[in-house]
Structure formats: C-alpha cells, structure tokens
Amino acid sequence: MSGAIGDTPTKGGGARFKGMKTLSKGAHGMVQLAADQTSDNRCVVIKYVLRGEAVSSRPVLREVLNHQEISMYKHPHFVEFYELFLTPRYLGIVMEYVDGRNLEAYLLEHGGKLPEDAARFLFQQLMVAVEFLHKRRKINLDIKLSSVLITEQGPLPVLKLFHFGLSKDMINDTAPDTRTGTALFSAPEVFLHADGQSYDGVPVDIWSCGVILHIMLFGCHPFLYPSDLELNQGEQVVKLIENVLGGRLQLPDEAVGTPLGNLLRRMLDPEPKQRATIAEIFQDAWFQVEPVVGIKMHCFRYNFML
C-alpha cells in the first residue's frame, strides 16, 4: 500500500492523486480518472470502494488479489493493476488508464455491429485473454460488453479485460454457488442452480464470450427476439431467461449451417458439459481465419503461456 489522499476522492489538494473526472458512481463507491502527481501527472483510473460494514470485504479482496496476480504478467489484453491505498472512508484501487471506450460504446460508434473480420479480430483477442485467465486458474464470471475496453492507439484496435469484481480463484476459492453476473450474459446453469449448489465457472465464461460474439456480428442478443424488445425491462428479463433455458438461439439465415453459426451454437449450448471448450474454439475453422491485415493473434497466446 502507498500514500494516502484526501478523505473525499474528489478533493485532490496536495495529495498524490488529483481527481480529474468521475467516470461512474454507485451506492458503494465511484471510479475516477486521476493524475499521479509523483509520476509526471500520469493518468490512472482509481476505483474507490466504501469501507465499513455496508460493504463485504471478501469479494473486494478476491478482486484485488486476482487482478494483482494477473497484472504480474504484463499481459497485453488485461488492464494493469498498480496499487492500493486507504483513506478513512475508501479503499482506492489504482489501475492503468486505457484511452478508449468499452465494447458497448465501441459498437454504438460503428452502427451497433461490426464486419465479420473486425468482429473475429476482437473475438480472437478476447479468447486469448480468457484462455490466459483460465490457465492461471481464474474465472471471471462477469464478462460483458461493459467490462471489455477497446483502445486504438495503434493501427489496430486492442481489447483489454478490466473487471474482476466477481472473479474467483479455482484453487483457493469455493466454486461459484450464487446467481452472480449480468443476466444478459449469464449462462443457463447460473439461472438454474439452487442456492448453495455450485457450478463450473469455466463454461460460464465461454457462454458470455459467445453472447458477445453474437452481438458484435449481428447487433442483437442471441436470446432476445425483436418482439421481446417491445416488452418492458422486467418482462424482457423473464423472456430472456425463458429463451436461454429453452435453448431458443436466434441465428440469421445466412449464418445457419456455416462454420460461424456452428461455433456460436457450440458456445451457446445450454448444457455446460457439451459447450465448446477454449481448446476447441482455438481449433475452430472460423476462429483460425487470419484477420485481413495478416496479424497472427496466436503470437500473444504462445508468448504468455509460460
């Protein structure tokens, strides 16, 4: 842990970190863009978590430990964890600032969906990141559009995972046994399990990645039909769960029977034991098509499997 800042995060004062902009705010904290005044005003992102009895310390500790361990490897597809500090009211989690936007905003900028080659390029990076996470015996349990950042500092977009709030270590933590995550990206076993009954988190992450791939390609959720979108939000959630549990995957006609359509069906199989594994995804014909620019995504994979 390192030096403190003022009790109120927005008050920079003469402290090390000077708040520049509040990025988001919730009941138990906030996320700020800040400048590190001891490092040439380097931009960082600080997640402030309210201290005290109102907030459980266990998930926060898991988030910090898992993010810290992954950051040790300087993997290009993860936002880097820097350090922690305490104020009387908050725990501050300092992270790398990524000049970009989340995948949801990125898709909106591109008309809601991407060309197939562009979607595949981002999906390859996502799977490289998730494979690395699982190889390190970690599961994320909350992969979604808003937890994926896209930066375009170079000629090609780079994807980074940054949210570890629900993550677990497969060795040191108990198996997931609660309805965690975001409904739109949750696998059927998350909805189906009884309280206290555990499930395997690895295929849950695969399911979430399949939902993201479908949205990137077709601009819609794989289990929400156009008629479902006319319902109010609560009714949509009920319909979503019904469609997920019923395996009612919607695929455009042009995707049915194609390598892409087959990959999506395997990733979104309602039965977790039948769902595609990461190894199978890496061997998939559609996945292995190189991006049009000729960049070999596997170089990331092999460099970071050590």
C-alpha atoms as a PDB file:
ATOM      1  CA  MET A   1       0.000   0.000   0.000  1.00  0.00           C
ATOM      2  CA  SER A   2       1.167   3.532  -0.637  1.00  0.00           C
ATOM      3  CA  GLY A   3       0.419   7.098   0.364  1.00  0.00           C
ATOM      4  CA  ALA A   4      -2.990   8.477   1.204  1.00  0.00           C
ATOM      5  CA  ILE A   5      -5.149  11.050  -0.461  1.00  0.00           C
ATOM      6  CA  GLY A   6      -7.832  13.262   0.993  1.00  0.00           C
ATOM      7  CA  ASP A   7     -10.833  11.668   2.689  1.00  0.00           C
ATOM      8  CA  THR A   8     -13.056  12.754  -0.188  1.00  0.00           C
ATOM      9  CA  PRO A   9     -11.779  11.316  -3.513  1.00  0.00           C
ATOM     10  CA  THR A  10     -12.807  14.393  -5.481  1.00  0.00           C
ATOM     11  CA  LYS A  11     -10.579  16.617  -3.314  1.00  0.00           C
ATOM     12  CA  GLY A  12      -7.122  16.398  -4.804  1.00  0.00           C
ATOM     13  CA  GLY A  13      -5.443  19.054  -2.621  1.00  0.00           C
ATOM     14  CA  GLY A  14      -1.742  18.472  -2.279  1.00  0.00           C
ATOM     15  CA  ALA A  15      -2.177  14.702  -2.289  1.00  0.00           C
ATOM     16  CA  ARG A  16      -0.500  12.299  -4.624  1.00  0.00           C
ATOM     17  CA  PHE A  17      -3.540  11.602  -6.809  1.00  0.00           C
ATOM     18  CA  LYS A  18      -5.529  14.514  -8.180  1.00  0.00           C
ATOM     19  CA  GLY A  19      -9.065  13.670  -9.264  1.00  0.00           C
ATOM     20  CA  MET A  20      -9.811  14.835 -12.813  1.00  0.00           C
ATOM     21  CA  LYS A  21     -13.159  13.318 -13.705  1.00  0.00           C
ATOM     22  CA  THR A  22     -15.716  10.946 -12.193  1.00  0.00           C
ATOM     23  CA  LEU A  23     -16.272   8.117 -14.658  1.00  0.00           C
ATOM     24  CA  SER A  24     -19.032   6.300 -12.751  1.00  0.00           C
ATOM     25  CA  LYS A  25     -20.683   6.359  -9.355  1.00  0.00           C
ATOM     26  CA  GLY A  26     -22.619   3.796  -7.305  1.00  0.00           C
ATOM     27  CA  ALA A  27     -24.008   3.165  -3.849  1.00  0.00           C
ATOM     28  CA  HIS A  28     -20.710   1.791  -2.516  1.00  0.00           C
ATOM     29  CA  GLY A  29     -18.139   3.890  -4.331  1.00  0.00           C
ATOM     30  CA  MET A  30     -17.042   5.504  -7.545  1.00  0.00           C
ATOM     31  CA  VAL A  31     -14.495   5.338 -10.350  1.00  0.00           C
ATOM     32  CA  GLN A  32     -12.351   8.363 -11.134  1.00  0.00           C
ATOM     33  CA  LEU A  33      -9.846   9.401 -13.736  1.00  0.00           C
ATOM     34  CA  ALA A  34      -6.924  10.888 -11.815  1.00  0.00           C
ATOM     35  CA  ALA A  35      -3.420  12.228 -12.285  1.00  0.00           C
ATOM     36  CA  ASP A  36      -0.481  10.751 -10.383  1.00  0.00           C
ATOM     37  CA  GLN A  37       1.382  13.885  -9.329  1.00  0.00           C
ATOM     38  CA  THR A  38       4.521  11.929  -8.436  1.00  0.00           C
ATOM     39  CA  SER A  39       4.820  10.431 -11.918  1.00  0.00           C
ATOM     40  CA  ASP A  40       4.650  13.343 -14.371  1.00  0.00           C
ATOM     41  CA  ASN A  41       0.856  13.517 -13.906  1.00  0.00           C
ATOM     42  CA  ARG A  42       0.421  10.087 -15.455  1.00  0.00           C
ATOM     43  CA  CYS A  43      -3.268   9.340 -15.901  1.00  0.00           C
ATOM     44  CA  VAL A  44      -4.619   6.456 -13.830  1.00  0.00           C
ATOM     45  CA  VAL A  45      -8.059   5.099 -13.019  1.00  0.00           C
ATOM     46  CA  ILE A  46      -8.956   4.763  -9.346  1.00  0.00           C
ATOM     47  CA  LYS A  47     -11.815   2.613  -8.136  1.00  0.00           C
ATOM     48  CA  TYR A  48     -12.960   3.835  -4.732  1.00  0.00           C
ATOM     49  CA  VAL A  49     -14.767   1.272  -2.572  1.00  0.00           C
ATOM     50  CA  LEU A  50     -16.543   2.482   0.557  1.00  0.00           C
ATOM     51  CA  ARG A  51     -15.080   0.979   3.724  1.00  0.00           C
ATOM     52  CA  GLY A  52     -17.151  -0.325   6.615  1.00  0.00           C
ATOM     53  CA  GLU A  53     -19.845  -2.820   7.452  1.00  0.00           C
ATOM     54  CA  ALA A  54     -22.041  -1.869   4.484  1.00  0.00           C
ATOM     55  CA  VAL A  55     -19.573  -3.464   2.057  1.00  0.00           C
ATOM     56  CA  SER A  56     -18.372  -7.071   2.288  1.00  0.00           C
ATOM     57  CA  SER A  57     -14.577  -7.203   2.265  1.00  0.00           C
ATOM     58  CA  ARG A  58     -14.284 -10.751   0.867  1.00  0.00           C
ATOM     59  CA  PRO A  59     -15.270 -10.057  -2.790  1.00  0.00           C
ATOM     60  CA  VAL A  60     -13.168  -6.886  -2.784  1.00  0.00           C
ATOM     61  CA  LEU A  61     -10.182  -8.877  -1.536  1.00  0.00           C
ATOM     62  CA  ARG A  62     -10.745 -11.519  -4.238  1.00  0.00           C
ATOM     63  CA  GLU A  63     -10.957  -8.808  -6.897  1.00  0.00           C
ATOM     64  CA  VAL A  64      -7.714  -7.189  -5.770  1.00  0.00           C
ATOM     65  CA  LEU A  65      -5.755 -10.439  -5.386  1.00  0.00           C
ATOM     66  CA  ASN A  66      -6.877 -11.852  -8.739  1.00  0.00           C
ATOM     67  CA  HIS A  67      -6.273  -8.605 -10.617  1.00  0.00           C
ATOM     68  CA  GLN A  68      -2.902  -8.140  -8.929  1.00  0.00           C
ATOM     69  CA  GLU A  69      -1.762 -11.648  -9.823  1.00  0.00           C
ATOM     70  CA  ILE A  70      -2.818 -11.356 -13.464  1.00  0.00           C
ATOM     71  CA  SER A  71      -1.085  -7.965 -13.733  1.00  0.00           C
ATOM     72  CA  MET A  72       2.248  -9.523 -12.774  1.00  0.00           C
ATOM     73  CA  TYR A  73       2.462 -10.968 -16.294  1.00  0.00           C
ATOM     74  CA  LYS A  74       2.011  -7.628 -18.142  1.00  0.00           C
ATOM     75  CA  HIS A  75      -0.405  -9.347 -20.499  1.00  0.00           C
ATOM     76  CA  PRO A  76      -1.476  -7.050 -23.374  1.00  0.00           C
ATOM     77  CA  HIS A  77      -5.168  -7.950 -23.017  1.00  0.00           C
ATOM     78  CA  PHE A  78      -5.640  -7.026 -19.360  1.00  0.00           C
ATOM     79  CA  VAL A  79      -5.820  -3.603 -17.757  1.00  0.00           C
ATOM     80  CA  GLU A  80      -2.913  -3.475 -15.319  1.00  0.00           C
ATOM     81  CA  PHE A  81      -3.388  -3.222 -11.565  1.00  0.00           C
ATOM     82  CA  TYR A  82      -0.961  -0.763  -9.949  1.00  0.00           C
ATOM     83  CA  GLU A  83      -1.518  -0.469  -6.198  1.00  0.00           C
ATOM     84  CA  LEU A  84      -3.841   0.122  -3.230  1.00  0.00           C
ATOM     85  CA  PHE A  85      -4.210   2.914  -0.735  1.00  0.00           C
ATOM     86  CA  LEU A  86      -6.586   3.750   2.098  1.00  0.00           C
ATOM     87  CA  THR A  87      -8.419   6.866   3.193  1.00  0.00           C
ATOM     88  CA  PRO A  88     -10.634   6.996   6.275  1.00  0.00           C
ATOM     89  CA  ARG A  89     -13.687   6.254   4.120  1.00  0.00           C
ATOM     90  CA  TYR A  90     -12.422   4.484   0.999  1.00  0.00           C
ATOM     91  CA  LEU A  91     -10.199   1.749  -0.347  1.00  0.00           C
ATOM     92  CA  GLY A  92      -8.539   3.034  -3.511  1.00  0.00           C
ATOM     93  CA  ILE A  93      -7.655   0.558  -6.274  1.00  0.00           C
ATOM     94  CA  VAL A  94      -5.288   2.189  -8.750  1.00  0.00           C
ATOM     95  CA  MET A  95      -5.257   0.814 -12.295  1.00  0.00           C
ATOM     96  CA  GLU A  96      -3.879   1.527 -15.729  1.00  0.00           C
ATOM     97  CA  TYR A  97      -5.726   4.203 -17.688  1.00  0.00           C
ATOM     98  CA  VAL A  98      -6.749   2.970 -21.125  1.00  0.00           C
ATOM     99  CA  ASP A  99      -7.518   5.706 -23.631  1.00  0.00           C
ATOM    100  CA  GLY A 100     -10.540   4.145 -25.274  1.00  0.00           C
ATOM    101  CA  ARG A 101     -14.084   3.052 -24.507  1.00  0.00           C
ATOM    102  CA  ASN A 102     -15.908  -0.088 -23.572  1.00  0.00           C
ATOM    103  CA  LEU A 103     -17.115  -2.514 -26.208  1.00  0.00           C
ATOM    104  CA  GLU A 104     -20.715  -1.380 -25.856  1.00  0.00           C
ATOM    105  CA  ALA A 105     -19.795   2.217 -26.757  1.00  0.00           C
ATOM    106  CA  TYR A 106     -17.438   0.987 -29.493  1.00  0.00           C
ATOM    107  CA  LEU A 107     -20.257  -0.952 -31.150  1.00  0.00           C
ATOM    108  CA  LEU A 108     -22.595   2.044 -30.970  1.00  0.00           C
ATOM    109  CA  GLU A 109     -19.945   4.114 -32.749  1.00  0.00           C
ATOM    110  CA  HIS A 110     -19.908   1.507 -35.522  1.00  0.00           C
ATOM    111  CA  GLY A 111     -23.631   1.231 -36.054  1.00  0.00           C
ATOM    112  CA  GLY A 112     -24.296  -1.483 -33.474  1.00  0.00           C
ATOM    113  CA  LYS A 113     -22.306  -4.277 -35.096  1.00  0.00           C
ATOM    114  CA  LEU A 114     -19.019  -4.985 -36.868  1.00  0.00           C
ATOM    115  CA  PRO A 115     -17.905  -6.559 -40.150  1.00  0.00           C
ATOM    116  CA  GLU A 116     -17.057 -10.222 -39.738  1.00  0.00           C
ATOM    117  CA  ASP A 117     -13.278  -9.759 -39.966  1.00  0.00           C
ATOM    118  CA  ALA A 118     -13.311  -6.946 -37.390  1.00  0.00           C
ATOM    119  CA  ALA A 119     -15.513  -8.953 -35.013  1.00  0.00           C
ATOM    120  CA  ARG A 120     -13.287 -12.010 -35.383  1.00  0.00           C
ATOM    121  CA  PHE A 121     -10.162  -9.927 -34.670  1.00  0.00           C
ATOM    122  CA  LEU A 122     -11.594  -8.660 -31.372  1.00  0.00           C
ATOM    123  CA  PHE A 123     -13.000 -12.076 -30.501  1.00  0.00           C
ATOM    124  CA  GLN A 124      -9.590 -13.685 -31.005  1.00  0.00           C
ATOM    125  CA  GLN A 125      -8.109 -11.229 -28.525  1.00  0.00           C
ATOM    126  CA  LEU A 126     -10.941 -11.880 -26.062  1.00  0.00           C
ATOM    127  CA  MET A 127     -10.350 -15.622 -26.193  1.00  0.00           C
ATOM    128  CA  VAL A 128      -6.592 -15.167 -25.795  1.00  0.00           C
ATOM    129  CA  ALA A 129      -7.335 -13.202 -22.612  1.00  0.00           C
ATOM    130  CA  VAL A 130      -9.866 -15.702 -21.261  1.00  0.00           C
ATOM    131  CA  GLU A 131      -7.607 -18.654 -22.040  1.00  0.00           C
ATOM    132  CA  PHE A 132      -4.784 -16.970 -20.132  1.00  0.00           C
ATOM    133  CA  LEU A 133      -7.130 -16.317 -17.204  1.00  0.00           C
ATOM    134  CA  HIS A 134      -8.253 -19.953 -17.077  1.00  0.00           C
ATOM    135  CA  LYS A 135      -4.673 -21.234 -17.423  1.00  0.00           C
ATOM    136  CA  ARG A 136      -3.905 -19.217 -14.318  1.00  0.00           C
ATOM    137  CA  ARG A 137      -6.835 -20.987 -12.595  1.00  0.00           C
ATOM    138  CA  LYS A 138      -9.022 -17.876 -12.523  1.00  0.00           C
ATOM    139  CA  ILE A 139     -12.621 -17.455 -13.651  1.00  0.00           C
ATOM    140  CA  ASN A 140     -14.166 -14.066 -14.342  1.00  0.00           C
ATOM    141  CA  LEU A 141     -17.934 -14.817 -14.048  1.00  0.00           C
ATOM    142  CA  ASP A 142     -18.945 -11.378 -15.356  1.00  0.00           C
ATOM    143  CA  ILE A 143     -17.640 -10.972 -18.902  1.00  0.00           C
ATOM    144  CA  LYS A 144     -19.864  -8.475 -20.715  1.00  0.00           C
ATOM    145  CA  LEU A 145     -19.674  -5.597 -23.187  1.00  0.00           C
ATOM    146  CA  SER A 146     -19.071  -3.013 -20.466  1.00  0.00           C
ATOM    147  CA  SER A 147     -16.180  -4.975 -18.904  1.00  0.00           C
ATOM    148  CA  VAL A 148     -14.198  -5.034 -22.146  1.00  0.00           C
ATOM    149  CA  LEU A 149     -12.192  -1.974 -23.211  1.00  0.00           C
ATOM    150  CA  ILE A 150     -11.156  -1.150 -26.762  1.00  0.00           C
ATOM    151  CA  THR A 151      -8.227   1.156 -27.414  1.00  0.00           C
ATOM    152  CA  GLU A 152      -6.987   2.333 -30.805  1.00  0.00           C
ATOM    153  CA  GLN A 153      -3.599   3.816 -30.004  1.00  0.00           C
ATOM    154  CA  GLY A 154      -2.003   1.895 -32.875  1.00  0.00           C
ATOM    155  CA  PRO A 155      -3.192   0.929 -36.362  1.00  0.00           C
ATOM    156  CA  LEU A 156      -5.444  -1.839 -34.981  1.00  0.00           C
ATOM    157  CA  PRO A 157      -7.911  -1.977 -32.085  1.00  0.00           C
ATOM    158  CA  VAL A 158      -6.664  -3.699 -28.936  1.00  0.00           C
ATOM    159  CA  LEU A 159      -9.040  -5.377 -26.496  1.00  0.00           C
ATOM    160  CA  LYS A 160      -8.454  -5.414 -22.738  1.00  0.00           C
ATOM    161  CA  LEU A 161     -10.398  -7.057 -19.897  1.00  0.00           C
ATOM    162  CA  PHE A 162     -10.546  -4.963 -16.763  1.00  0.00           C
ATOM    163  CA  HIS A 163     -13.370  -6.070 -14.467  1.00  0.00           C
ATOM    164  CA  PHE A 164     -12.550  -8.636 -11.753  1.00  0.00           C
ATOM    165  CA  GLY A 165     -15.317  -7.803  -9.288  1.00  0.00           C
ATOM    166  CA  LEU A 166     -16.864 -11.306  -9.331  1.00  0.00           C
ATOM    167  CA  SER A 167     -13.732 -13.271 -10.223  1.00  0.00           C
ATOM    168  CA  LYS A 168     -12.653 -16.386  -8.341  1.00  0.00           C
ATOM    169  CA  ASP A 169      -9.511 -18.432  -7.962  1.00  0.00           C
ATOM    170  CA  MET A 170     -10.285 -22.061  -8.825  1.00  0.00           C
ATOM    171  CA  ILE A 171      -7.828 -23.356  -6.220  1.00  0.00           C
ATOM    172  CA  ASN A 172      -8.204 -21.026  -3.238  1.00  0.00           C
ATOM    173  CA  ASP A 173     -11.876 -20.042  -3.530  1.00  0.00           C
ATOM    174  CA  THR A 174     -15.012 -22.146  -3.371  1.00  0.00           C
ATOM    175  CA  ALA A 175     -16.788 -22.950  -6.639  1.00  0.00           C
ATOM    176  CA  PRO A 176     -19.416 -20.352  -7.625  1.00  0.00           C
ATOM    177  CA  ASP A 177     -22.741 -21.075  -5.983  1.00  0.00           C
ATOM    178  CA  THR A 178     -24.701 -17.839  -6.337  1.00  0.00           C
ATOM    179  CA  ARG A 179     -26.536 -16.097  -9.164  1.00  0.00           C
ATOM    180  CA  THR A 180     -23.668 -13.770  -9.990  1.00  0.00           C
ATOM    181  CA  GLY A 181     -23.050 -11.768 -13.132  1.00  0.00           C
ATOM    182  CA  THR A 182     -25.281  -9.838 -15.502  1.00  0.00           C
ATOM    183  CA  ALA A 183     -28.452 -11.549 -16.736  1.00  0.00           C
ATOM    184  CA  LEU A 184     -27.868 -10.678 -20.396  1.00  0.00           C
ATOM    185  CA  PHE A 185     -24.559 -12.561 -20.353  1.00  0.00           C
ATOM    186  CA  SER A 186     -25.373 -15.302 -17.829  1.00  0.00           C
ATOM    187  CA  ALA A 187     -25.346 -18.979 -18.761  1.00  0.00           C
ATOM    188  CA  PRO A 188     -28.444 -21.142 -18.095  1.00  0.00           C
ATOM    189  CA  GLU A 189     -26.770 -23.016 -15.233  1.00  0.00           C
ATOM    190  CA  VAL A 190     -26.469 -19.718 -13.355  1.00  0.00           C
ATOM    191  CA  PHE A 191     -30.265 -19.300 -13.514  1.00  0.00           C
ATOM    192  CA  LEU A 192     -30.985 -22.961 -12.810  1.00  0.00           C
ATOM    193  CA  HIS A 193     -28.801 -23.773  -9.833  1.00  0.00           C
ATOM    194  CA  ALA A 194     -30.319 -23.966  -6.369  1.00  0.00           C
ATOM    195  CA  ASP A 195     -28.957 -21.767  -3.603  1.00  0.00           C
ATOM    196  CA  GLY A 196     -25.783 -23.304  -2.224  1.00  0.00           C
ATOM    197  CA  GLN A 197     -25.366 -25.647  -5.206  1.00  0.00           C
ATOM    198  CA  SER A 198     -22.126 -24.970  -7.046  1.00  0.00           C
ATOM    199  CA  TYR A 199     -21.471 -24.920 -10.786  1.00  0.00           C
ATOM    200  CA  ASP A 200     -18.412 -24.818 -13.031  1.00  0.00           C
ATOM    201  CA  GLY A 201     -17.369 -21.250 -13.819  1.00  0.00           C
ATOM    202  CA  VAL A 202     -15.243 -22.090 -16.871  1.00  0.00           C
ATOM    203  CA  PRO A 203     -18.149 -22.818 -19.268  1.00  0.00           C
ATOM    204  CA  VAL A 204     -19.960 -19.790 -17.797  1.00  0.00           C
ATOM    205  CA  ASP A 205     -17.155 -17.574 -19.140  1.00  0.00           C
ATOM    206  CA  ILE A 206     -17.368 -19.350 -22.514  1.00  0.00           C
ATOM    207  CA  TRP A 207     -21.117 -18.658 -22.693  1.00  0.00           C
ATOM    208  CA  SER A 208     -20.562 -14.948 -22.012  1.00  0.00           C
ATOM    209  CA  CYS A 209     -17.969 -14.776 -24.799  1.00  0.00           C
ATOM    210  CA  GLY A 210     -20.441 -16.444 -27.174  1.00  0.00           C
ATOM    211  CA  VAL A 211     -23.057 -13.794 -26.370  1.00  0.00           C
ATOM    212  CA  ILE A 212     -20.503 -11.047 -27.030  1.00  0.00           C
ATOM    213  CA  LEU A 213     -19.501 -12.598 -30.367  1.00  0.00           C
ATOM    214  CA  HIS A 214     -23.150 -12.806 -31.483  1.00  0.00           C
ATOM    215  CA  ILE A 215     -23.790  -9.165 -30.550  1.00  0.00           C
ATOM    216  CA  MET A 216     -20.637  -7.965 -32.336  1.00  0.00           C
ATOM    217  CA  LEU A 217     -21.631  -9.789 -35.531  1.00  0.00           C
ATOM    218  CA  PHE A 218     -25.398  -9.299 -35.678  1.00  0.00           C
ATOM    219  CA  GLY A 219     -26.114  -6.314 -33.446  1.00  0.00           C
ATOM    220  CA  CYS A 220     -28.613  -8.170 -31.273  1.00  0.00           C
ATOM    221  CA  HIS A 221     -28.743 -10.507 -28.307  1.00  0.00           C
ATOM    222  CA  PRO A 222     -28.805 -14.204 -29.275  1.00  0.00           C
ATOM    223  CA  PHE A 223     -31.767 -14.922 -26.979  1.00  0.00           C
ATOM    224  CA  LEU A 224     -33.872 -11.764 -27.340  1.00  0.00           C
ATOM    225  CA  TYR A 225     -36.065 -11.671 -30.424  1.00  0.00           C
ATOM    226  CA  PRO A 226     -37.366  -8.381 -31.926  1.00  0.00           C
ATOM    227  CA  SER A 227     -40.807  -8.969 -30.392  1.00  0.00           C
ATOM    228  CA  ASP A 228     -39.183  -9.397 -26.966  1.00  0.00           C
ATOM    229  CA  LEU A 229     -37.727  -5.886 -27.184  1.00  0.00           C
ATOM    230  CA  GLU A 230     -41.236  -4.410 -27.189  1.00  0.00           C
ATOM    231  CA  LEU A 231     -41.733  -5.633 -23.608  1.00  0.00           C
ATOM    232  CA  ASN A 232     -40.821  -3.592 -20.548  1.00  0.00           C
ATOM    233  CA  GLN A 233     -37.479  -4.239 -18.895  1.00  0.00           C
ATOM    234  CA  GLY A 234     -38.762  -6.689 -16.291  1.00  0.00           C
ATOM    235  CA  GLU A 235     -40.701  -8.694 -18.884  1.00  0.00           C
ATOM    236  CA  GLN A 236     -37.627  -8.744 -21.127  1.00  0.00           C
ATOM    237  CA  VAL A 237     -35.572 -10.349 -18.373  1.00  0.00           C
ATOM    238  CA  VAL A 238     -38.230 -13.019 -17.860  1.00  0.00           C
ATOM    239  CA  LYS A 239     -38.379 -13.670 -21.608  1.00  0.00           C
ATOM    240  CA  LEU A 240     -34.585 -13.765 -21.808  1.00  0.00           C
ATOM    241  CA  ILE A 241     -34.409 -16.434 -19.118  1.00  0.00           C
ATOM    242  CA  GLU A 242     -37.177 -18.445 -20.799  1.00  0.00           C
ATOM    243  CA  ASN A 243     -35.360 -18.324 -24.151  1.00  0.00           C
ATOM    244  CA  VAL A 244     -31.981 -19.180 -22.602  1.00  0.00           C
ATOM    245  CA  LEU A 245     -33.354 -22.144 -20.677  1.00  0.00           C
ATOM    246  CA  GLY A 246     -35.302 -23.279 -23.740  1.00  0.00           C
ATOM    247  CA  GLY A 247     -32.225 -23.055 -25.990  1.00  0.00           C
ATOM    248  CA  ARG A 248     -34.050 -20.702 -28.379  1.00  0.00           C
ATOM    249  CA  LEU A 249     -30.978 -19.263 -30.073  1.00  0.00           C
ATOM    250  CA  GLN A 250     -31.692 -16.842 -32.911  1.00  0.00           C
ATOM    251  CA  LEU A 251     -29.334 -17.023 -35.868  1.00  0.00           C
ATOM    252  CA  PRO A 252     -29.713 -15.079 -39.123  1.00  0.00           C
ATOM    253  CA  ASP A 253     -30.495 -17.339 -42.076  1.00  0.00           C
ATOM    254  CA  GLU A 254     -27.118 -16.629 -43.657  1.00  0.00           C
ATOM    255  CA  ALA A 255     -25.323 -17.993 -40.570  1.00  0.00           C
ATOM    256  CA  VAL A 256     -27.267 -21.243 -40.237  1.00  0.00           C
ATOM    257  CA  GLY A 257     -25.104 -24.251 -41.133  1.00  0.00           C
ATOM    258  CA  THR A 258     -21.952 -22.169 -41.584  1.00  0.00           C
ATOM    259  CA  PRO A 259     -18.716 -22.569 -39.567  1.00  0.00           C
ATOM    260  CA  LEU A 260     -19.614 -19.351 -37.737  1.00  0.00           C
ATOM    261  CA  GLY A 261     -23.140 -20.498 -36.959  1.00  0.00           C
ATOM    262  CA  ASN A 262     -21.853 -23.857 -35.754  1.00  0.00           C
ATOM    263  CA  LEU A 263     -19.304 -22.160 -33.472  1.00  0.00           C
ATOM    264  CA  LEU A 264     -21.995 -19.967 -31.933  1.00  0.00           C
ATOM    265  CA  ARG A 265     -24.258 -22.966 -31.353  1.00  0.00           C
ATOM    266  CA  ARG A 266     -21.454 -24.822 -29.597  1.00  0.00           C
ATOM    267  CA  MET A 267     -20.505 -21.856 -27.420  1.00  0.00           C
ATOM    268  CA  LEU A 268     -24.152 -21.237 -26.518  1.00  0.00           C
ATOM    269  CA  ASP A 269     -25.100 -24.842 -25.850  1.00  0.00           C
ATOM    270  CA  PRO A 270     -27.452 -24.871 -22.811  1.00  0.00           C
ATOM    271  CA  GLU A 271     -25.672 -27.943 -21.449  1.00  0.00           C
ATOM    272  CA  PRO A 272     -22.359 -26.770 -19.931  1.00  0.00           C
ATOM    273  CA  LYS A 273     -20.651 -30.139 -20.403  1.00  0.00           C
ATOM    274  CA  GLN A 274     -21.470 -30.020 -24.134  1.00  0.00           C
ATOM    275  CA  ARG A 275     -20.385 -26.402 -24.553  1.00  0.00           C
ATOM    276  CA  ALA A 276     -17.294 -25.673 -26.627  1.00  0.00           C
ATOM    277  CA  THR A 277     -14.055 -25.526 -24.656  1.00  0.00           C
ATOM    278  CA  ILE A 278     -11.387 -22.919 -25.245  1.00  0.00           C
ATOM    279  CA  ALA A 279      -9.148 -25.547 -26.843  1.00  0.00           C
ATOM    280  CA  GLU A 280     -11.946 -26.414 -29.287  1.00  0.00           C
ATOM    281  CA  ILE A 281     -12.549 -22.744 -30.063  1.00  0.00           C
ATOM    282  CA  PHE A 282      -8.865 -22.233 -30.897  1.00  0.00           C
ATOM    283  CA  GLN A 283      -9.096 -25.209 -33.291  1.00  0.00           C
ATOM    284  CA  ASP A 284     -12.304 -23.961 -34.907  1.00  0.00           C
ATOM    285  CA  ALA A 285     -12.112 -23.229 -38.644  1.00  0.00           C
ATOM    286  CA  TRP A 286     -13.857 -19.846 -38.370  1.00  0.00           C
ATOM    287  CA  PHE A 287     -11.673 -18.749 -35.463  1.00  0.00           C
ATOM    288  CA  GLN A 288      -8.461 -19.702 -37.256  1.00  0.00           C
ATOM    289  CA  VAL A 289      -9.070 -17.462 -40.265  1.00  0.00           C
ATOM    290  CA  GLU A 290      -6.419 -14.766 -40.044  1.00  0.00           C
ATOM    291  CA  PRO A 291      -7.543 -11.139 -39.899  1.00  0.00           C
ATOM    292  CA  VAL A 292      -7.383  -9.415 -43.296  1.00  0.00           C
ATOM    293  CA  VAL A 293      -4.345  -7.410 -42.140  1.00  0.00           C
ATOM    294  CA  GLY A 294      -2.409 -10.634 -41.687  1.00  0.00           C
ATOM    295  CA  ILE A 295      -1.730 -10.202 -37.969  1.00  0.00           C
ATOM    296  CA  LYS A 296      -1.153 -13.501 -36.170  1.00  0.00           C
ATOM    297  CA  MET A 297      -3.093 -13.348 -32.922  1.00  0.00           C
ATOM    298  CA  HIS A 298      -1.558 -16.582 -31.692  1.00  0.00           C
ATOM    299  CA  CYS A 299       1.731 -14.779 -31.015  1.00  0.00           C
ATOM    300  CA  PHE A 300       0.066 -13.304 -27.913  1.00  0.00           C
ATOM    301  CA  ARG A 301      -1.153 -16.720 -26.846  1.00  0.00           C
ATOM    302  CA  TYR A 302       2.165 -18.504 -27.107  1.00  0.00           C
ATOM    303  CA  ASN A 303       4.207 -15.706 -25.516  1.00  0.00           C
ATOM    304  CA  PHE A 304       2.064 -15.720 -22.388  1.00  0.00           C
ATOM    305  CA  MET A 305       1.547 -19.408 -21.762  1.00  0.00           C
ATOM    306  CA  LEU A 306       4.887 -19.672 -19.950  1.00  0.00           C
END
